[in-house]
Structure formats: structure tokens, C-alpha cells
Amino acid sequence: MIYATAPEVPAQDSQCSAPCLPYFLQIHMEPLPLPSHIHYELLLQLLERQTLFSVNHYSEERRQIDELIMTLRKALSQQKRLEQACDLKGVPVEYRWSLNQPMEMIARVGDREAS
């Protein structure tokens, strides 16, 4: 049988930003990109304030809209639990406003490195 050995891990530094994570994870940790909460809030407000009022109260469409609202609330709640878990483990979270944001950040970093 072949046994893999774990890499040598240096002693834990008291100034480490994430002491509960193994050393090799602390070095390569990138922020976890997550949607900003405002994205959920905007969708919920649109559905609750406008979409609900445009359909009959006892219609199939109303039932589907109600389900959609519940699903969005659950998604926001699940994201908040994920954020709490990341916080406990010292994993940084980065809220994104658009899909283009990572490209903008890369461009800014490239500009700084060029100067």
C-alpha cells in the first residue's frame, strides 16, 4: 500500500488571521464571491409590491409567485448561514454587485503592478 503523508506544517503563528484553518489553506485563501444582499431585496420588493398585485388572489400565478418569494427568502437565509460559517472559519467573503466586477478588479490590480 502507498500512504500519502501530509506536508510539514509550521507552528501556528499567534498573529495568524485564520488560526482555525490549516496552514496551507491560509496561504491560498481567496475571498468567496457572493451576491450582495441587495440583489435578493430588490427581487423580493418587486415581487411583493408589484407582481403580486397584478394577478388574481386565488390564481395559479399567485401561488407560483408566492413560491418564488419563499424560495428567494430561503436563498437569502442560506447565504447568510454560509457567510456565518465562513466568518467562523476565517474565510473572507466578497460581495459582488455584477458579473463584471472581477474583471474590473483584475484591471485595477494590473494597473497598479504596471506603475
N, C-alpha and C. Protein backbone atom coordinates (compact mmCIF):
# COMPACT_ATOMS: atom_id res chain seq x y z
N MET A 1 0.84 -1.18 0.00
CA MET A 1 0.00 0.00 0.00
C MET A 1 0.88 1.24 0.00
N ILE A 2 0.35 2.28 -0.63
CA ILE A 2 1.06 3.56 -0.65
C ILE A 2 0.32 4.51 0.27
N TYR A 3 1.04 5.13 1.18
CA TYR A 3 0.44 6.08 2.10
C TYR A 3 0.96 7.48 1.78
N ALA A 4 0.05 8.41 1.67
CA ALA A 4 0.46 9.80 1.44
C ALA A 4 0.68 10.46 2.80
N THR A 5 1.71 11.25 2.88
CA THR A 5 1.96 11.96 4.13
C THR A 5 1.59 13.42 3.95
N ALA A 6 1.13 14.00 5.01
CA ALA A 6 0.75 15.42 4.98
C ALA A 6 2.01 16.27 4.94
N PRO A 7 1.94 17.42 4.26
CA PRO A 7 3.10 18.30 4.24
C PRO A 7 3.43 18.81 5.63
N GLU A 8 4.68 19.13 5.83
CA GLU A 8 5.13 19.67 7.11
C GLU A 8 4.44 21.00 7.34
N VAL A 9 3.80 21.16 8.49
CA VAL A 9 3.08 22.38 8.80
C VAL A 9 3.84 23.14 9.86
N PRO A 10 4.21 24.41 9.58
CA PRO A 10 4.93 25.18 10.58
C PRO A 10 4.07 25.45 11.81
N ALA A 11 4.70 25.79 12.89
CA ALA A 11 3.98 26.10 14.12
C ALA A 11 3.03 27.27 13.88
N GLN A 12 1.92 27.24 14.56
CA GLN A 12 0.90 28.27 14.39
C GLN A 12 1.41 29.62 14.88
N ASP A 13 1.31 30.64 14.05
CA ASP A 13 1.73 31.98 14.40
C ASP A 13 0.60 32.65 15.16
N SER A 14 0.88 33.31 16.26
CA SER A 14 -0.17 33.94 17.06
C SER A 14 -0.80 35.12 16.34
N GLN A 15 -0.15 35.65 15.29
CA GLN A 15 -0.69 36.78 14.55
C GLN A 15 -1.48 36.32 13.33
N CYS A 16 -1.69 35.04 13.17
CA CYS A 16 -2.39 34.49 12.01
C CYS A 16 -3.82 35.00 11.98
N SER A 17 -4.29 35.36 10.79
CA SER A 17 -5.63 35.90 10.65
C SER A 17 -6.70 34.81 10.72
N ALA A 18 -6.36 33.57 10.45
CA ALA A 18 -7.33 32.48 10.47
C ALA A 18 -6.73 31.27 11.18
N PRO A 19 -6.64 31.33 12.51
CA PRO A 19 -5.94 30.27 13.25
C PRO A 19 -6.62 28.92 13.21
N CYS A 20 -7.88 28.84 12.87
CA CYS A 20 -8.58 27.56 12.88
C CYS A 20 -8.40 26.79 11.58
N LEU A 21 -7.77 27.38 10.58
CA LEU A 21 -7.56 26.70 9.30
C LEU A 21 -6.15 26.17 9.21
N PRO A 22 -5.96 25.06 8.50
CA PRO A 22 -4.61 24.55 8.28
C PRO A 22 -3.75 25.58 7.55
N TYR A 23 -2.48 25.52 7.77
CA TYR A 23 -1.52 26.48 7.21
C TYR A 23 -1.65 26.60 5.70
N PHE A 24 -1.74 25.47 4.99
CA PHE A 24 -1.77 25.51 3.53
C PHE A 24 -3.03 26.19 3.01
N LEU A 25 -4.13 26.20 3.77
CA LEU A 25 -5.33 26.90 3.34
C LEU A 25 -5.24 28.39 3.60
N GLN A 26 -4.49 28.79 4.62
CA GLN A 26 -4.37 30.21 4.94
C GLN A 26 -3.59 30.95 3.87
N ILE A 27 -2.62 30.32 3.27
CA ILE A 27 -1.77 30.97 2.28
C ILE A 27 -2.54 31.28 1.00
N HIS A 28 -3.36 30.36 0.53
CA HIS A 28 -4.00 30.47 -0.77
C HIS A 28 -5.47 30.90 -0.68
N MET A 29 -5.86 31.51 0.39
CA MET A 29 -7.27 31.82 0.59
C MET A 29 -7.66 33.06 -0.20
N GLU A 30 -8.62 32.89 -1.08
CA GLU A 30 -9.20 33.97 -1.86
C GLU A 30 -10.56 34.28 -1.24
N PRO A 31 -11.02 35.51 -1.35
CA PRO A 31 -12.37 35.81 -0.86
C PRO A 31 -13.42 35.02 -1.64
N LEU A 32 -14.44 34.59 -0.94
CA LEU A 32 -15.54 33.85 -1.56
C LEU A 32 -16.50 34.87 -2.19
N PRO A 33 -16.66 34.85 -3.52
CA PRO A 33 -17.57 35.82 -4.14
C PRO A 33 -19.02 35.42 -3.95
N LEU A 34 -19.80 36.33 -3.39
CA LEU A 34 -21.23 36.10 -3.16
C LEU A 34 -22.02 37.31 -3.63
N PRO A 35 -23.26 37.09 -4.06
CA PRO A 35 -24.07 38.25 -4.46
C PRO A 35 -24.36 39.15 -3.26
N SER A 36 -24.40 40.42 -3.52
CA SER A 36 -24.77 41.37 -2.48
C SER A 36 -26.22 41.12 -2.07
N HIS A 37 -26.54 41.33 -0.80
CA HIS A 37 -27.89 41.09 -0.31
C HIS A 37 -28.93 41.95 -1.04
N ILE A 38 -28.50 43.07 -1.56
CA ILE A 38 -29.44 43.97 -2.22
C ILE A 38 -30.09 43.31 -3.44
N HIS A 39 -29.40 42.36 -4.06
CA HIS A 39 -29.98 41.66 -5.21
C HIS A 39 -31.24 40.89 -4.78
N TYR A 40 -31.17 40.21 -3.66
CA TYR A 40 -32.34 39.49 -3.15
C TYR A 40 -33.44 40.48 -2.78
N GLU A 41 -33.05 41.55 -2.08
CA GLU A 41 -34.03 42.52 -1.60
C GLU A 41 -34.78 43.19 -2.76
N LEU A 42 -34.08 43.53 -3.81
CA LEU A 42 -34.74 44.16 -4.96
C LEU A 42 -35.74 43.22 -5.61
N LEU A 43 -35.35 41.96 -5.79
CA LEU A 43 -36.28 40.99 -6.38
C LEU A 43 -37.50 40.79 -5.49
N LEU A 44 -37.27 40.68 -4.19
CA LEU A 44 -38.39 40.48 -3.27
C LEU A 44 -39.34 41.68 -3.29
N GLN A 45 -38.78 42.89 -3.30
CA GLN A 45 -39.64 44.08 -3.32
C GLN A 45 -40.46 44.15 -4.61
N LEU A 46 -39.84 43.84 -5.72
CA LEU A 46 -40.56 43.84 -7.00
C LEU A 46 -41.71 42.84 -6.97
N LEU A 47 -41.40 41.63 -6.53
CA LEU A 47 -42.44 40.59 -6.50
C LEU A 47 -43.55 40.93 -5.51
N GLU A 48 -43.19 41.42 -4.32
CA GLU A 48 -44.19 41.68 -3.29
C GLU A 48 -44.99 42.96 -3.54
N ARG A 49 -44.37 43.96 -4.09
CA ARG A 49 -45.05 45.26 -4.25
C ARG A 49 -45.74 45.43 -5.60
N GLN A 50 -45.27 44.72 -6.62
CA GLN A 50 -45.84 44.94 -7.95
C GLN A 50 -46.43 43.68 -8.56
N THR A 51 -45.65 42.62 -8.58
CA THR A 51 -46.10 41.41 -9.28
C THR A 51 -47.32 40.79 -8.61
N LEU A 52 -47.32 40.70 -7.29
CA LEU A 52 -48.46 40.11 -6.58
C LEU A 52 -49.76 40.83 -6.89
N PHE A 53 -49.71 42.14 -7.02
CA PHE A 53 -50.93 42.91 -7.22
C PHE A 53 -51.44 42.87 -8.66
N SER A 54 -50.67 42.29 -9.54
CA SER A 54 -51.10 42.24 -10.94
C SER A 54 -51.79 40.92 -11.30
N VAL A 55 -51.94 40.01 -10.33
CA VAL A 55 -52.62 38.74 -10.60
C VAL A 55 -53.78 38.57 -9.62
N ASN A 56 -54.73 37.72 -9.98
CA ASN A 56 -55.86 37.41 -9.10
C ASN A 56 -55.37 36.70 -7.84
N HIS A 57 -56.06 36.97 -6.75
CA HIS A 57 -55.62 36.45 -5.44
C HIS A 57 -55.59 34.93 -5.39
N TYR A 58 -56.54 34.25 -6.00
CA TYR A 58 -56.62 32.78 -5.90
C TYR A 58 -56.20 32.08 -7.19
N SER A 59 -55.34 32.69 -7.95
CA SER A 59 -54.93 32.11 -9.24
C SER A 59 -53.68 31.23 -9.08
N GLU A 60 -53.44 30.42 -10.09
CA GLU A 60 -52.23 29.58 -10.14
C GLU A 60 -50.99 30.46 -10.20
N GLU A 61 -51.08 31.59 -10.90
CA GLU A 61 -49.94 32.51 -10.98
C GLU A 61 -49.58 33.07 -9.60
N ARG A 62 -50.60 33.38 -8.82
CA ARG A 62 -50.38 33.90 -7.47
C ARG A 62 -49.65 32.86 -6.62
N ARG A 63 -50.07 31.61 -6.73
CA ARG A 63 -49.42 30.53 -5.97
C ARG A 63 -47.95 30.41 -6.38
N GLN A 64 -47.67 30.50 -7.68
CA GLN A 64 -46.29 30.40 -8.16
C GLN A 64 -45.45 31.59 -7.70
N ILE A 65 -46.06 32.77 -7.70
CA ILE A 65 -45.33 33.96 -7.22
C ILE A 65 -45.02 33.82 -5.73
N ASP A 66 -45.99 33.33 -4.96
CA ASP A 66 -45.77 33.09 -3.53
C ASP A 66 -44.61 32.10 -3.32
N GLU A 67 -44.58 31.05 -4.12
CA GLU A 67 -43.47 30.08 -4.04
C GLU A 67 -42.14 30.72 -4.37
N LEU A 68 -42.13 31.56 -5.38
CA LEU A 68 -40.92 32.25 -5.79
C LEU A 68 -40.41 33.16 -4.67
N ILE A 69 -41.31 33.86 -4.03
CA ILE A 69 -40.94 34.73 -2.90
C ILE A 69 -40.34 33.90 -1.77
N MET A 70 -40.98 32.78 -1.44
CA MET A 70 -40.45 31.91 -0.38
C MET A 70 -39.07 31.37 -0.75
N THR A 71 -38.90 31.00 -2.01
CA THR A 71 -37.61 30.47 -2.46
C THR A 71 -36.51 31.52 -2.34
N LEU A 72 -36.82 32.75 -2.72
CA LEU A 72 -35.83 33.82 -2.60
C LEU A 72 -35.48 34.10 -1.14
N ARG A 73 -36.48 34.08 -0.27
CA ARG A 73 -36.22 34.28 1.17
C ARG A 73 -35.33 33.16 1.71
N LYS A 74 -35.59 31.93 1.29
CA LYS A 74 -34.76 30.80 1.72
C LYS A 74 -33.34 30.94 1.19
N ALA A 75 -33.20 31.40 -0.06
CA ALA A 75 -31.87 31.57 -0.65
C ALA A 75 -31.07 32.62 0.12
N LEU A 76 -31.70 33.73 0.47
CA LEU A 76 -31.03 34.77 1.25
C LEU A 76 -30.64 34.24 2.63
N SER A 77 -31.54 33.51 3.24
CA SER A 77 -31.26 32.92 4.55
C SER A 77 -30.09 31.93 4.47
N GLN A 78 -30.08 31.11 3.44
CA GLN A 78 -28.99 30.14 3.25
C GLN A 78 -27.66 30.87 3.02
N GLN A 79 -27.68 31.94 2.25
CA GLN A 79 -26.45 32.69 2.03
C GLN A 79 -25.94 33.28 3.35
N LYS A 80 -26.84 33.79 4.18
CA LYS A 80 -26.43 34.34 5.47
C LYS A 80 -25.81 33.27 6.35
N ARG A 81 -26.35 32.04 6.32
CA ARG A 81 -25.75 30.94 7.09
C ARG A 81 -24.36 30.61 6.56
N LEU A 82 -24.20 30.63 5.23
CA LEU A 82 -22.90 30.39 4.63
C LEU A 82 -21.91 31.47 5.05
N GLU A 83 -22.34 32.72 5.07
CA GLU A 83 -21.48 33.82 5.50
C GLU A 83 -21.04 33.64 6.95
N GLN A 84 -21.96 33.21 7.81
CA GLN A 84 -21.61 32.97 9.21
C GLN A 84 -20.59 31.84 9.34
N ALA A 85 -20.77 30.79 8.56
CA ALA A 85 -19.82 29.67 8.59
C ALA A 85 -18.45 30.13 8.10
N CYS A 86 -18.42 30.93 7.07
CA CYS A 86 -17.16 31.46 6.56
C CYS A 86 -16.48 32.34 7.60
N ASP A 87 -17.28 33.16 8.27
CA ASP A 87 -16.75 34.04 9.31
C ASP A 87 -16.11 33.24 10.44
N LEU A 88 -16.77 32.17 10.85
CA LEU A 88 -16.23 31.32 11.91
C LEU A 88 -14.93 30.66 11.51
N LYS A 89 -14.78 30.34 10.23
CA LYS A 89 -13.58 29.68 9.74
C LYS A 89 -12.52 30.66 9.25
N GLY A 90 -12.83 31.95 9.28
CA GLY A 90 -11.87 32.95 8.84
C GLY A 90 -11.77 33.07 7.33
N VAL A 91 -12.77 32.59 6.62
CA VAL A 91 -12.77 32.69 5.16
C VAL A 91 -13.37 34.04 4.78
N PRO A 92 -12.64 34.86 4.05
CA PRO A 92 -13.20 36.17 3.68
C PRO A 92 -14.31 36.04 2.65
N VAL A 93 -15.26 36.94 2.72
CA VAL A 93 -16.39 36.98 1.79
C VAL A 93 -16.31 38.30 1.05
N GLU A 94 -16.54 38.25 -0.25
CA GLU A 94 -16.54 39.46 -1.07
C GLU A 94 -17.89 39.56 -1.77
N TYR A 95 -18.63 40.64 -1.46
CA TYR A 95 -19.95 40.81 -2.06
C TYR A 95 -19.79 41.39 -3.46
N ARG A 96 -20.47 40.78 -4.40
CA ARG A 96 -20.40 41.19 -5.80
C ARG A 96 -21.68 41.89 -6.20
N TRP A 97 -21.53 42.94 -6.98
CA TRP A 97 -22.66 43.69 -7.49
C TRP A 97 -22.99 43.32 -8.92
N SER A 98 -22.00 42.78 -9.63
CA SER A 98 -22.23 42.40 -11.02
C SER A 98 -21.25 41.31 -11.42
N LEU A 99 -21.50 40.71 -12.56
CA LEU A 99 -20.57 39.70 -13.08
C LEU A 99 -19.29 40.34 -13.57
N ASN A 100 -19.33 41.61 -13.91
CA ASN A 100 -18.16 42.31 -14.42
C ASN A 100 -17.18 42.73 -13.33
N GLN A 101 -17.60 42.68 -12.10
CA GLN A 101 -16.75 43.14 -11.01
C GLN A 101 -15.39 42.46 -10.96
N PRO A 102 -15.31 41.13 -11.11
CA PRO A 102 -13.98 40.51 -11.06
C PRO A 102 -13.04 41.05 -12.14
N MET A 103 -13.56 41.32 -13.34
CA MET A 103 -12.72 41.84 -14.41
C MET A 103 -12.23 43.24 -14.07
N GLU A 104 -13.09 44.04 -13.45
CA GLU A 104 -12.69 45.39 -13.04
C GLU A 104 -11.58 45.31 -12.00
N MET A 105 -11.69 44.37 -11.08
CA MET A 105 -10.67 44.23 -10.04
C MET A 105 -9.35 43.79 -10.64
N ILE A 106 -9.39 42.87 -11.59
CA ILE A 106 -8.16 42.41 -12.24
C ILE A 106 -7.50 43.56 -12.97
N ALA A 107 -8.31 44.39 -13.63
CA ALA A 107 -7.76 45.53 -14.35
C ALA A 107 -7.10 46.51 -13.39
N ARG A 108 -7.69 46.77 -12.23
CA ARG A 108 -7.10 47.68 -11.26
C ARG A 108 -5.80 47.14 -10.72
N VAL A 109 -5.75 45.84 -10.43
CA VAL A 109 -4.52 45.23 -9.93
C VAL A 109 -3.43 45.32 -10.99
N GLY A 110 -3.80 45.06 -12.24
CA GLY A 110 -2.84 45.15 -13.34
C GLY A 110 -2.31 46.56 -13.50
N ASP A 111 -3.17 47.56 -13.32
CA ASP A 111 -2.74 48.96 -13.42
C ASP A 111 -1.74 49.29 -12.32
N ARG A 112 -1.98 48.82 -11.11
CA ARG A 112 -1.07 49.09 -10.00
C ARG A 112 0.27 48.42 -10.23
N GLU A 113 0.24 47.18 -10.76
CA GLU A 113 1.51 46.47 -10.98
C GLU A 113 2.31 47.11 -12.09
N ALA A 114 1.65 47.72 -13.07
CA ALA A 114 2.36 48.34 -14.19
C ALA A 114 3.07 49.62 -13.75
N SER A 115 2.57 50.28 -12.74
CA SER A 115 3.18 51.54 -12.32
C SER A 115 4.29 51.37 -11.32
